[in-house]
Amino acid sequence: ARSYFRISGAGAREVLAKISPVDLSSQAFAPGDFRRSRTAQVAAAFWLEDGGEEDSFRLVCFRSVGGYMFQLLAGAAHPQSAVGVY
């Protein structure tokens, strides 16, 4: 009943920040932190995994909007959409 995504790499915080009204700076959102929020028009939950040098988020949403969420994440992760905040 759920879709599950992994967002990782140097731009992971920025990708999520573009679609969710959450402060994802490393001071405000640390490994192990969990948040339920809206990501664009979708209810979702995400957390930052412990360990490793690169950021690795897990995101879960309803399966019925999984395709839409994939498109949101793909658009936010496109190199030409980089903002450079994090």
Protein backbone atom coordinates (compact mmCIF):
# COMPACT_ATOMS: atom_id res chain seq x y z
CA ALA A 1 0.00 0.00 0.00
CA ARG A 2 3.08 2.28 0.03
CA SER A 3 5.77 3.47 -2.36
CA TYR A 4 9.27 3.69 -0.96
CA PHE A 5 12.08 5.88 -2.32
CA ARG A 6 15.75 6.45 -1.51
CA ILE A 7 17.17 9.92 -2.14
CA SER A 8 20.93 10.06 -1.68
CA GLY A 9 24.00 11.97 -2.69
CA ALA A 10 25.35 15.47 -2.39
CA GLY A 11 22.08 17.10 -3.51
CA ALA A 12 19.66 14.97 -1.49
CA ARG A 13 18.76 17.72 0.99
CA GLU A 14 18.11 20.19 -1.81
CA VAL A 15 15.92 17.73 -3.73
CA LEU A 16 13.62 17.25 -0.73
CA ALA A 17 13.70 20.93 0.23
CA LYS A 18 12.33 21.90 -3.17
CA ILE A 19 9.16 19.90 -2.65
CA SER A 20 8.67 19.99 1.13
CA PRO A 21 8.29 22.94 3.55
CA VAL A 22 10.87 21.60 6.01
CA ASP A 23 14.21 23.07 7.12
CA LEU A 24 16.59 20.39 5.90
CA SER A 25 19.82 22.09 6.90
CA SER A 26 22.24 19.78 8.70
CA GLN A 27 21.70 21.78 11.91
CA ALA A 28 17.91 21.32 11.82
CA PHE A 29 17.60 17.82 10.34
CA ALA A 30 20.16 15.29 11.55
CA PRO A 31 20.60 11.55 10.94
CA GLY A 32 17.80 9.63 12.60
CA ASP A 33 15.33 12.52 12.34
CA PHE A 34 11.88 11.70 10.96
CA ARG A 35 9.25 14.02 9.50
CA ARG A 36 5.70 13.66 8.21
CA SER A 37 4.99 16.44 5.75
CA ARG A 38 3.49 17.44 2.46
CA THR A 39 5.71 16.94 -0.56
CA ALA A 40 4.08 19.09 -3.22
CA GLN A 41 0.46 17.85 -2.95
CA VAL A 42 1.31 14.43 -1.48
CA ALA A 43 1.29 13.34 2.15
CA ALA A 44 4.60 11.61 2.83
CA ALA A 45 7.10 10.76 5.53
CA PHE A 46 10.87 10.86 5.25
CA TRP A 47 13.89 10.34 7.43
CA LEU A 48 17.65 10.72 7.22
CA GLU A 49 19.52 7.47 7.70
CA ASP A 50 22.45 7.15 10.07
CA GLY A 51 25.96 6.52 8.83
CA GLY A 52 27.98 7.29 5.75
CA GLU A 53 29.39 10.57 4.55
CA GLU A 54 26.69 11.30 1.98
CA ASP A 55 23.11 12.14 2.89
CA SER A 56 20.70 9.28 2.37
CA PHE A 57 16.99 9.89 2.89
CA ARG A 58 14.15 7.37 2.77
CA LEU A 59 10.71 8.56 1.73
CA VAL A 60 7.40 6.74 1.89
CA CYS A 61 4.03 7.76 0.43
CA PHE A 62 0.80 6.12 -0.67
CA ARG A 63 1.29 3.75 -3.59
CA SER A 64 -1.53 5.42 -5.54
CA VAL A 65 0.63 8.56 -5.89
CA GLY A 66 3.97 6.76 -6.27
CA GLY A 67 4.32 7.63 -9.96
CA TYR A 68 3.59 11.28 -9.27
CA MET A 69 6.13 11.29 -6.43
CA PHE A 70 8.75 9.73 -8.71
CA GLN A 71 8.18 12.52 -11.25
CA LEU A 72 8.44 15.17 -8.51
CA LEU A 73 11.71 13.74 -7.28
CA ALA A 74 13.09 13.32 -10.80
CA GLY A 75 12.31 16.95 -11.63
CA ALA A 76 13.77 18.23 -8.36
CA ALA A 77 16.93 16.15 -8.90
CA HIS A 78 17.54 17.29 -12.47
CA PRO A 79 20.97 19.00 -12.73
CA GLN A 80 19.47 22.05 -14.42
CA SER A 81 17.14 22.64 -11.46
CA ALA A 82 19.98 23.00 -8.93
CA VAL A 83 19.56 25.91 -6.52
CA GLY A 84 22.68 25.42 -4.42
CA VAL A 85 21.21 26.07 -0.97
CA TYR A 86 22.58 22.97 0.77
